[in-house]
Amino acid sequence: MSEQTEDTPHDYIALFAVTAGENIRKLAIQFKEKGEFFKNHVIQAMALELAEGLAERTHQLIRDRWGFPDPLDFSMKDCFQAKYQGQRFSFGYPACPDLEDQAKLFKLLQPEKFGIQLTEGFMMEPEASVTAFVVAHPEARYFNVL
């Protein structure tokens, strides 16, 4: 392993966990038990979107803090195409398929302190939760396809 010198760029990694809250499932079950299936579906869908939105906003704040904010003309298309420095990865997706690695992230972050539990199958409870790590290196990509 080589030593860090002034000529060698530094690299950073950020870890985070976000959740829409632990009461979502209780609320959804209450709607279902009352026969309000549409409300049951809507509350769960909204919770999933909220968690993903929180993750994207956290990701943006990390990039800002690291000194490479999105340009003023940055579009949603640019965002969806990950045209920024500071790639976000989550376990269980194609770039990091080993869901079991989620346990390592949980050990570091301890998200149980704010209500996110890891199941025996390495899924999160509540489901409307996101964990991720962000890599600062300018050449990091979700997939490198030549």
N, C-alpha and C. Protein backbone atom coordinates (compact mmCIF):
# COMPACT_ATOMS: atom_id res chain seq x y z
N MET A 1 0.85 -1.17 0.00
CA MET A 1 0.00 0.00 0.00
C MET A 1 0.89 1.24 0.00
N SER A 2 0.60 2.18 -0.88
CA SER A 2 1.44 3.37 -0.97
C SER A 2 0.98 4.43 0.01
N GLU A 3 1.93 5.29 0.37
CA GLU A 3 1.61 6.38 1.29
C GLU A 3 0.94 7.52 0.54
N GLN A 4 0.13 8.27 1.25
CA GLN A 4 -0.53 9.45 0.69
C GLN A 4 0.50 10.56 0.59
N THR A 5 0.64 11.19 -0.57
CA THR A 5 1.53 12.33 -0.75
C THR A 5 0.72 13.52 -1.21
N GLU A 6 1.39 14.66 -1.30
CA GLU A 6 0.67 15.86 -1.76
C GLU A 6 0.19 15.70 -3.20
N ASP A 7 0.90 14.91 -3.99
CA ASP A 7 0.53 14.71 -5.39
C ASP A 7 -0.60 13.70 -5.57
N THR A 8 -0.85 12.89 -4.54
CA THR A 8 -1.88 11.87 -4.61
C THR A 8 -3.20 12.45 -4.11
N PRO A 9 -4.25 12.39 -4.93
CA PRO A 9 -5.53 12.94 -4.45
C PRO A 9 -6.12 12.09 -3.32
N HIS A 10 -6.79 12.77 -2.41
CA HIS A 10 -7.48 12.07 -1.33
C HIS A 10 -8.78 11.49 -1.88
N ASP A 11 -9.24 10.45 -1.23
CA ASP A 11 -10.53 9.88 -1.58
C ASP A 11 -11.37 9.82 -0.31
N TYR A 12 -12.67 9.89 -0.46
CA TYR A 12 -13.58 9.91 0.68
C TYR A 12 -14.71 8.93 0.46
N ILE A 13 -15.29 8.50 1.56
CA ILE A 13 -16.49 7.68 1.51
C ILE A 13 -17.42 8.19 2.62
N ALA A 14 -18.69 8.25 2.32
CA ALA A 14 -19.70 8.63 3.31
C ALA A 14 -20.69 7.48 3.41
N LEU A 15 -21.17 7.23 4.61
CA LEU A 15 -22.16 6.18 4.87
C LEU A 15 -23.39 6.85 5.45
N PHE A 16 -24.58 6.39 5.07
CA PHE A 16 -25.77 6.96 5.69
C PHE A 16 -26.93 5.98 5.68
N ALA A 17 -27.90 6.28 6.52
CA ALA A 17 -29.16 5.54 6.59
C ALA A 17 -30.27 6.56 6.81
N VAL A 18 -31.36 6.39 6.09
CA VAL A 18 -32.53 7.25 6.25
C VAL A 18 -33.78 6.37 6.30
N THR A 19 -34.82 6.89 6.90
CA THR A 19 -36.07 6.14 6.98
C THR A 19 -37.26 7.10 6.97
N ALA A 20 -38.39 6.61 6.49
CA ALA A 20 -39.63 7.37 6.55
C ALA A 20 -40.29 7.23 7.92
N GLY A 21 -39.75 6.34 8.74
CA GLY A 21 -40.26 6.20 10.10
C GLY A 21 -40.81 4.82 10.38
N GLU A 22 -40.76 4.46 11.64
CA GLU A 22 -41.14 3.11 12.03
C GLU A 22 -42.64 2.90 12.19
N ASN A 23 -43.45 3.95 12.11
CA ASN A 23 -44.89 3.81 12.28
C ASN A 23 -45.65 3.62 10.97
N ILE A 24 -44.95 3.64 9.86
CA ILE A 24 -45.61 3.50 8.56
C ILE A 24 -46.36 2.17 8.46
N ARG A 25 -45.71 1.09 8.83
CA ARG A 25 -46.35 -0.23 8.73
C ARG A 25 -47.60 -0.29 9.60
N LYS A 26 -47.52 0.25 10.83
CA LYS A 26 -48.69 0.25 11.72
C LYS A 26 -49.86 0.99 11.09
N LEU A 27 -49.57 2.15 10.51
CA LEU A 27 -50.61 2.94 9.87
C LEU A 27 -51.20 2.20 8.66
N ALA A 28 -50.32 1.60 7.86
CA ALA A 28 -50.79 0.84 6.69
C ALA A 28 -51.67 -0.34 7.11
N ILE A 29 -51.29 -1.04 8.17
CA ILE A 29 -52.09 -2.18 8.66
C ILE A 29 -53.45 -1.70 9.15
N GLN A 30 -53.48 -0.55 9.82
CA GLN A 30 -54.76 0.00 10.28
C GLN A 30 -55.70 0.26 9.12
N PHE A 31 -55.17 0.85 8.05
CA PHE A 31 -55.99 1.09 6.86
C PHE A 31 -56.49 -0.23 6.27
N LYS A 32 -55.61 -1.20 6.18
CA LYS A 32 -55.97 -2.49 5.59
C LYS A 32 -57.06 -3.17 6.41
N GLU A 33 -56.91 -3.15 7.75
CA GLU A 33 -57.91 -3.77 8.63
C GLU A 33 -59.28 -3.10 8.51
N LYS A 34 -59.30 -1.82 8.17
CA LYS A 34 -60.56 -1.10 7.97
C LYS A 34 -61.11 -1.30 6.56
N GLY A 35 -60.37 -2.04 5.74
CA GLY A 35 -60.81 -2.26 4.37
C GLY A 35 -60.47 -1.11 3.44
N GLU A 36 -59.63 -0.20 3.90
CA GLU A 36 -59.23 0.96 3.09
C GLU A 36 -57.92 0.61 2.37
N PHE A 37 -58.07 -0.25 1.36
CA PHE A 37 -56.91 -0.80 0.67
C PHE A 37 -56.15 0.26 -0.14
N PHE A 38 -56.89 1.19 -0.71
CA PHE A 38 -56.22 2.24 -1.47
C PHE A 38 -55.32 3.08 -0.55
N LYS A 39 -55.84 3.46 0.62
CA LYS A 39 -55.03 4.23 1.56
C LYS A 39 -53.83 3.42 2.05
N ASN A 40 -54.04 2.13 2.24
CA ASN A 40 -52.96 1.23 2.63
C ASN A 40 -51.85 1.28 1.59
N HIS A 41 -52.22 1.16 0.33
CA HIS A 41 -51.25 1.18 -0.76
C HIS A 41 -50.57 2.55 -0.85
N VAL A 42 -51.36 3.62 -0.80
CA VAL A 42 -50.81 4.97 -0.95
C VAL A 42 -49.82 5.30 0.16
N ILE A 43 -50.14 4.97 1.40
CA ILE A 43 -49.23 5.32 2.50
C ILE A 43 -47.91 4.57 2.37
N GLN A 44 -47.96 3.32 1.93
CA GLN A 44 -46.72 2.56 1.75
C GLN A 44 -45.90 3.09 0.56
N ALA A 45 -46.58 3.41 -0.52
CA ALA A 45 -45.89 3.95 -1.69
C ALA A 45 -45.26 5.30 -1.37
N MET A 46 -46.01 6.14 -0.67
CA MET A 46 -45.47 7.46 -0.29
C MET A 46 -44.27 7.32 0.63
N ALA A 47 -44.33 6.37 1.54
CA ALA A 47 -43.21 6.16 2.46
C ALA A 47 -41.96 5.72 1.71
N LEU A 48 -42.11 4.83 0.74
CA LEU A 48 -40.97 4.39 -0.06
C LEU A 48 -40.37 5.55 -0.84
N GLU A 49 -41.22 6.38 -1.43
CA GLU A 49 -40.74 7.54 -2.19
C GLU A 49 -40.09 8.56 -1.26
N LEU A 50 -40.64 8.75 -0.06
CA LEU A 50 -40.04 9.66 0.90
C LEU A 50 -38.64 9.20 1.30
N ALA A 51 -38.49 7.92 1.58
CA ALA A 51 -37.17 7.38 1.95
C ALA A 51 -36.18 7.56 0.80
N GLU A 52 -36.60 7.29 -0.41
CA GLU A 52 -35.70 7.46 -1.56
C GLU A 52 -35.36 8.94 -1.77
N GLY A 53 -36.35 9.81 -1.58
CA GLY A 53 -36.11 11.25 -1.68
C GLY A 53 -35.14 11.74 -0.62
N LEU A 54 -35.30 11.23 0.61
CA LEU A 54 -34.36 11.58 1.68
C LEU A 54 -32.95 11.11 1.35
N ALA A 55 -32.85 9.93 0.77
CA ALA A 55 -31.54 9.40 0.38
C ALA A 55 -30.91 10.27 -0.71
N GLU A 56 -31.71 10.67 -1.69
CA GLU A 56 -31.16 11.50 -2.77
C GLU A 56 -30.74 12.87 -2.25
N ARG A 57 -31.54 13.45 -1.36
CA ARG A 57 -31.18 14.76 -0.77
C ARG A 57 -29.91 14.63 0.08
N THR A 58 -29.80 13.58 0.86
CA THR A 58 -28.60 13.35 1.67
C THR A 58 -27.39 13.21 0.76
N HIS A 59 -27.56 12.47 -0.33
CA HIS A 59 -26.50 12.29 -1.32
C HIS A 59 -26.07 13.64 -1.89
N GLN A 60 -27.04 14.49 -2.22
CA GLN A 60 -26.74 15.82 -2.76
C GLN A 60 -25.98 16.67 -1.73
N LEU A 61 -26.40 16.62 -0.48
CA LEU A 61 -25.72 17.39 0.57
C LEU A 61 -24.28 16.92 0.76
N ILE A 62 -24.06 15.63 0.64
CA ILE A 62 -22.70 15.09 0.75
C ILE A 62 -21.84 15.63 -0.39
N ARG A 63 -22.35 15.60 -1.61
CA ARG A 63 -21.58 16.13 -2.75
C ARG A 63 -21.29 17.60 -2.55
N ASP A 64 -22.28 18.36 -2.07
CA ASP A 64 -22.08 19.78 -1.81
C ASP A 64 -20.96 19.99 -0.79
N ARG A 65 -21.01 19.24 0.29
CA ARG A 65 -20.03 19.37 1.37
C ARG A 65 -18.62 19.02 0.90
N TRP A 66 -18.54 18.05 0.00
CA TRP A 66 -17.24 17.64 -0.52
C TRP A 66 -16.67 18.63 -1.54
N GLY A 67 -17.48 19.61 -1.93
CA GLY A 67 -16.99 20.65 -2.82
C GLY A 67 -17.27 20.44 -4.29
N PHE A 68 -18.17 19.54 -4.62
CA PHE A 68 -18.57 19.40 -6.01
C PHE A 68 -20.09 19.38 -6.12
N PRO A 69 -20.71 20.55 -5.86
CA PRO A 69 -22.17 20.65 -5.95
C PRO A 69 -22.65 20.52 -7.39
N ASP A 70 -23.93 20.24 -7.53
CA ASP A 70 -24.53 20.16 -8.86
C ASP A 70 -24.52 21.56 -9.48
N PRO A 71 -24.23 21.63 -10.80
CA PRO A 71 -24.27 22.95 -11.46
C PRO A 71 -25.69 23.51 -11.46
N LEU A 72 -25.80 24.81 -11.63
CA LEU A 72 -27.11 25.46 -11.60
C LEU A 72 -28.04 24.95 -12.71
N ASP A 73 -27.48 24.54 -13.84
CA ASP A 73 -28.31 24.05 -14.94
C ASP A 73 -28.48 22.53 -14.91
N PHE A 74 -28.20 21.91 -13.78
CA PHE A 74 -28.30 20.46 -13.61
C PHE A 74 -29.77 20.04 -13.72
N SER A 75 -30.06 19.14 -14.64
CA SER A 75 -31.44 18.72 -14.89
C SER A 75 -31.74 17.39 -14.18
N MET A 76 -33.02 17.05 -14.14
CA MET A 76 -33.42 15.76 -13.58
C MET A 76 -32.84 14.63 -14.44
N LYS A 77 -32.76 14.84 -15.74
CA LYS A 77 -32.17 13.84 -16.64
C LYS A 77 -30.70 13.61 -16.25
N ASP A 78 -29.97 14.71 -15.99
CA ASP A 78 -28.58 14.58 -15.55
C ASP A 78 -28.49 13.80 -14.25
N CYS A 79 -29.42 14.07 -13.35
CA CYS A 79 -29.44 13.36 -12.06
C CYS A 79 -29.69 11.87 -12.28
N PHE A 80 -30.69 11.54 -13.07
CA PHE A 80 -31.02 10.12 -13.32
C PHE A 80 -29.90 9.39 -14.04
N GLN A 81 -29.11 10.14 -14.83
CA GLN A 81 -27.99 9.54 -15.54
C GLN A 81 -26.70 9.59 -14.71
N ALA A 82 -26.82 10.02 -13.45
CA ALA A 82 -25.69 10.09 -12.51
C ALA A 82 -24.52 10.87 -13.09
N LYS A 83 -24.82 12.03 -13.67
CA LYS A 83 -23.78 12.88 -14.25
C LYS A 83 -23.24 13.82 -13.18
N TYR A 84 -22.69 13.25 -12.15
CA TYR A 84 -22.11 14.02 -11.06
C TYR A 84 -20.97 13.21 -10.47
N GLN A 85 -20.13 13.89 -9.73
CA GLN A 85 -19.07 13.21 -9.00
C GLN A 85 -19.63 12.83 -7.64
N GLY A 86 -19.28 11.64 -7.17
CA GLY A 86 -19.78 11.18 -5.88
C GLY A 86 -20.89 10.17 -6.05
N GLN A 87 -20.55 8.99 -6.49
CA GLN A 87 -21.56 7.95 -6.78
C GLN A 87 -22.09 7.30 -5.50
N ARG A 88 -23.40 7.01 -5.51
CA ARG A 88 -24.07 6.37 -4.37
C ARG A 88 -24.33 4.91 -4.69
N PHE A 89 -24.00 4.05 -3.72
CA PHE A 89 -24.20 2.61 -3.88
C PHE A 89 -24.97 2.07 -2.68
N SER A 90 -25.80 1.07 -2.93
CA SER A 90 -26.52 0.38 -1.87
C SER A 90 -26.40 -1.12 -2.08
N PHE A 91 -26.32 -1.85 -0.99
CA PHE A 91 -26.20 -3.30 -1.07
C PHE A 91 -27.51 -3.92 -1.54
N GLY A 92 -27.37 -4.97 -2.33
CA GLY A 92 -28.53 -5.67 -2.86
C GLY A 92 -28.89 -5.25 -4.27
N TYR A 93 -28.19 -4.24 -4.80
CA TYR A 93 -28.40 -3.80 -6.16
C TYR A 93 -27.26 -4.33 -7.04
N PRO A 94 -27.42 -4.27 -8.36
CA PRO A 94 -26.44 -4.93 -9.24
C PRO A 94 -24.97 -4.55 -9.02
N ALA A 95 -24.67 -3.31 -8.68
CA ALA A 95 -23.27 -2.92 -8.49
C ALA A 95 -22.69 -3.51 -7.20
N CYS A 96 -23.53 -3.81 -6.23
CA CYS A 96 -23.13 -4.39 -4.93
C CYS A 96 -24.16 -5.44 -4.54
N PRO A 97 -24.17 -6.57 -5.22
CA PRO A 97 -25.28 -7.52 -5.08
C PRO A 97 -25.36 -8.28 -3.75
N ASP A 98 -24.29 -8.31 -2.98
CA ASP A 98 -24.29 -9.11 -1.75
C ASP A 98 -25.04 -8.38 -0.63
N LEU A 99 -26.30 -8.71 -0.48
CA LEU A 99 -27.14 -8.08 0.53
C LEU A 99 -26.61 -8.33 1.94
N GLU A 100 -25.88 -9.43 2.13
CA GLU A 100 -25.31 -9.75 3.44
C GLU A 100 -24.34 -8.66 3.93
N ASP A 101 -23.74 -7.91 2.99
CA ASP A 101 -22.82 -6.84 3.37
C ASP A 101 -23.54 -5.72 4.11
N GLN A 102 -24.87 -5.72 4.04
CA GLN A 102 -25.68 -4.75 4.79
C GLN A 102 -25.35 -4.82 6.29
N ALA A 103 -25.04 -6.01 6.78
CA ALA A 103 -24.72 -6.20 8.20
C ALA A 103 -23.48 -5.39 8.59
N LYS A 104 -22.51 -5.30 7.70
CA LYS A 104 -21.30 -4.52 7.98
C LYS A 104 -21.64 -3.04 8.09
N LEU A 105 -22.50 -2.57 7.21
CA LEU A 105 -22.91 -1.17 7.24
C LEU A 105 -23.69 -0.88 8.53
N PHE A 106 -24.54 -1.81 8.93
CA PHE A 106 -25.31 -1.65 10.17
C PHE A 106 -24.38 -1.60 11.39
N LYS A 107 -23.33 -2.40 11.35
CA LYS A 107 -22.39 -2.40 12.47
C LYS A 107 -21.72 -1.04 12.61
N LEU A 108 -21.40 -0.41 11.49
CA LEU A 108 -20.75 0.90 11.52
C LEU A 108 -21.72 2.03 11.88
N LEU A 109 -22.91 2.02 11.28
CA LEU A 109 -23.85 3.13 11.45
C LEU A 109 -24.76 3.00 12.67
N GLN A 110 -25.06 1.78 13.07
CA GLN A 110 -25.98 1.50 14.17
C GLN A 110 -27.33 2.20 13.99
N PRO A 111 -27.99 2.01 12.84
CA PRO A 111 -29.27 2.68 12.60
C PRO A 111 -30.41 2.17 13.48
N GLU A 112 -30.16 1.12 14.23
CA GLU A 112 -31.16 0.64 15.18
C GLU A 112 -31.50 1.73 16.20
N LYS A 113 -30.55 2.63 16.43
CA LYS A 113 -30.75 3.72 17.39
C LYS A 113 -31.89 4.65 16.98
N PHE A 114 -32.20 4.70 15.68
CA PHE A 114 -33.33 5.53 15.25
C PHE A 114 -34.39 4.73 14.51
N GLY A 115 -34.46 3.43 14.83
CA GLY A 115 -35.61 2.63 14.42
C GLY A 115 -35.48 1.75 13.20
N ILE A 116 -34.29 1.62 12.60
CA ILE A 116 -34.14 0.74 11.46
C ILE A 116 -33.51 -0.56 11.94
N GLN A 117 -34.20 -1.67 11.68
CA GLN A 117 -33.72 -3.00 12.08
C GLN A 117 -33.31 -3.78 10.83
N LEU A 118 -32.41 -4.71 11.01
CA LEU A 118 -31.99 -5.60 9.93
C LEU A 118 -32.59 -6.97 10.20
N THR A 119 -33.29 -7.52 9.21
CA THR A 119 -33.91 -8.83 9.38
C THR A 119 -32.87 -9.93 9.17
N GLU A 120 -33.26 -11.16 9.47
CA GLU A 120 -32.36 -12.30 9.25
C GLU A 120 -31.99 -12.45 7.78
N GLY A 121 -32.85 -11.98 6.89
CA GLY A 121 -32.59 -12.03 5.46
C GLY A 121 -31.88 -10.79 4.94
N PHE A 122 -31.39 -9.94 5.87
CA PHE A 122 -30.63 -8.72 5.56
C PHE A 122 -31.46 -7.65 4.86
N MET A 123 -32.76 -7.69 5.10
CA MET A 123 -33.65 -6.63 4.61
C MET A 123 -33.87 -5.65 5.76
N MET A 124 -34.31 -4.45 5.42
CA MET A 124 -34.53 -3.44 6.46
C MET A 124 -35.99 -3.37 6.87
N GLU A 125 -36.18 -3.12 8.11
CA GLU A 125 -37.50 -2.89 8.68
C GLU A 125 -37.42 -1.59 9.47
N PRO A 126 -38.17 -0.56 9.16
CA PRO A 126 -39.24 -0.52 8.17
C PRO A 126 -38.69 -0.58 6.74
N GLU A 127 -39.55 -1.08 5.86
CA GLU A 127 -39.16 -1.22 4.46
C GLU A 127 -38.83 0.11 3.82
N ALA A 128 -39.47 1.17 4.27
CA ALA A 128 -39.25 2.50 3.72
C ALA A 128 -37.99 3.11 4.35
N SER A 129 -36.88 2.45 4.12
CA SER A 129 -35.58 2.87 4.63
C SER A 129 -34.54 2.65 3.54
N VAL A 130 -33.50 3.45 3.57
CA VAL A 130 -32.42 3.34 2.59
C VAL A 130 -31.09 3.46 3.33
N THR A 131 -30.17 2.56 3.03
CA THR A 131 -28.79 2.71 3.48
C THR A 131 -27.93 2.81 2.23
N ALA A 132 -26.82 3.52 2.34
CA ALA A 132 -25.95 3.67 1.18
C ALA A 132 -24.57 4.12 1.60
N PHE A 133 -23.66 3.99 0.65
CA PHE A 133 -22.36 4.62 0.81
C PHE A 133 -22.07 5.40 -0.46
N VAL A 134 -21.39 6.53 -0.29
CA VAL A 134 -21.08 7.42 -1.40
C VAL A 134 -19.56 7.48 -1.52
N VAL A 135 -19.08 7.30 -2.74
CA VAL A 135 -17.65 7.32 -3.03
C VAL A 135 -17.34 8.62 -3.76
N ALA A 136 -16.35 9.37 -3.27
CA ALA A 136 -16.03 10.68 -3.82
C ALA A 136 -15.18 10.63 -5.08
N HIS A 137 -14.46 9.57 -5.30
CA HIS A 137 -13.49 9.53 -6.41
C HIS A 137 -14.14 9.91 -7.74
N PRO A 138 -13.51 10.80 -8.51
CA PRO A 138 -14.13 11.26 -9.76
C PRO A 138 -14.32 10.17 -10.81
N GLU A 139 -13.60 9.07 -10.71
CA GLU A 139 -13.76 7.99 -11.68
C GLU A 139 -14.71 6.89 -11.22
N ALA A 140 -15.27 7.03 -10.02
CA ALA A 140 -16.23 6.03 -9.52
C ALA A 140 -17.48 6.08 -10.39
N ARG A 141 -17.96 4.91 -10.79
CA ARG A 141 -19.16 4.80 -11.59
C ARG A 141 -19.98 3.62 -11.11
N TYR A 142 -21.29 3.72 -11.27
CA TYR A 142 -22.15 2.62 -10.88
C TYR A 142 -21.80 1.40 -11.71
N PHE A 143 -21.65 1.60 -13.01
CA PHE A 143 -21.16 0.55 -13.92
C PHE A 143 -20.21 1.22 -14.89
N ASN A 144 -19.09 0.60 -15.14
CA ASN A 144 -18.17 1.09 -16.17
C ASN A 144 -18.32 0.18 -17.38
N VAL A 145 -18.94 0.72 -18.40
CA VAL A 145 -19.16 -0.04 -19.63
C VAL A 145 -18.34 0.62 -20.72
N LEU A 146 -17.50 -0.16 -21.34
CA LEU A 146 -16.66 0.38 -22.42
C LEU A 146 -17.30 0.17 -23.76
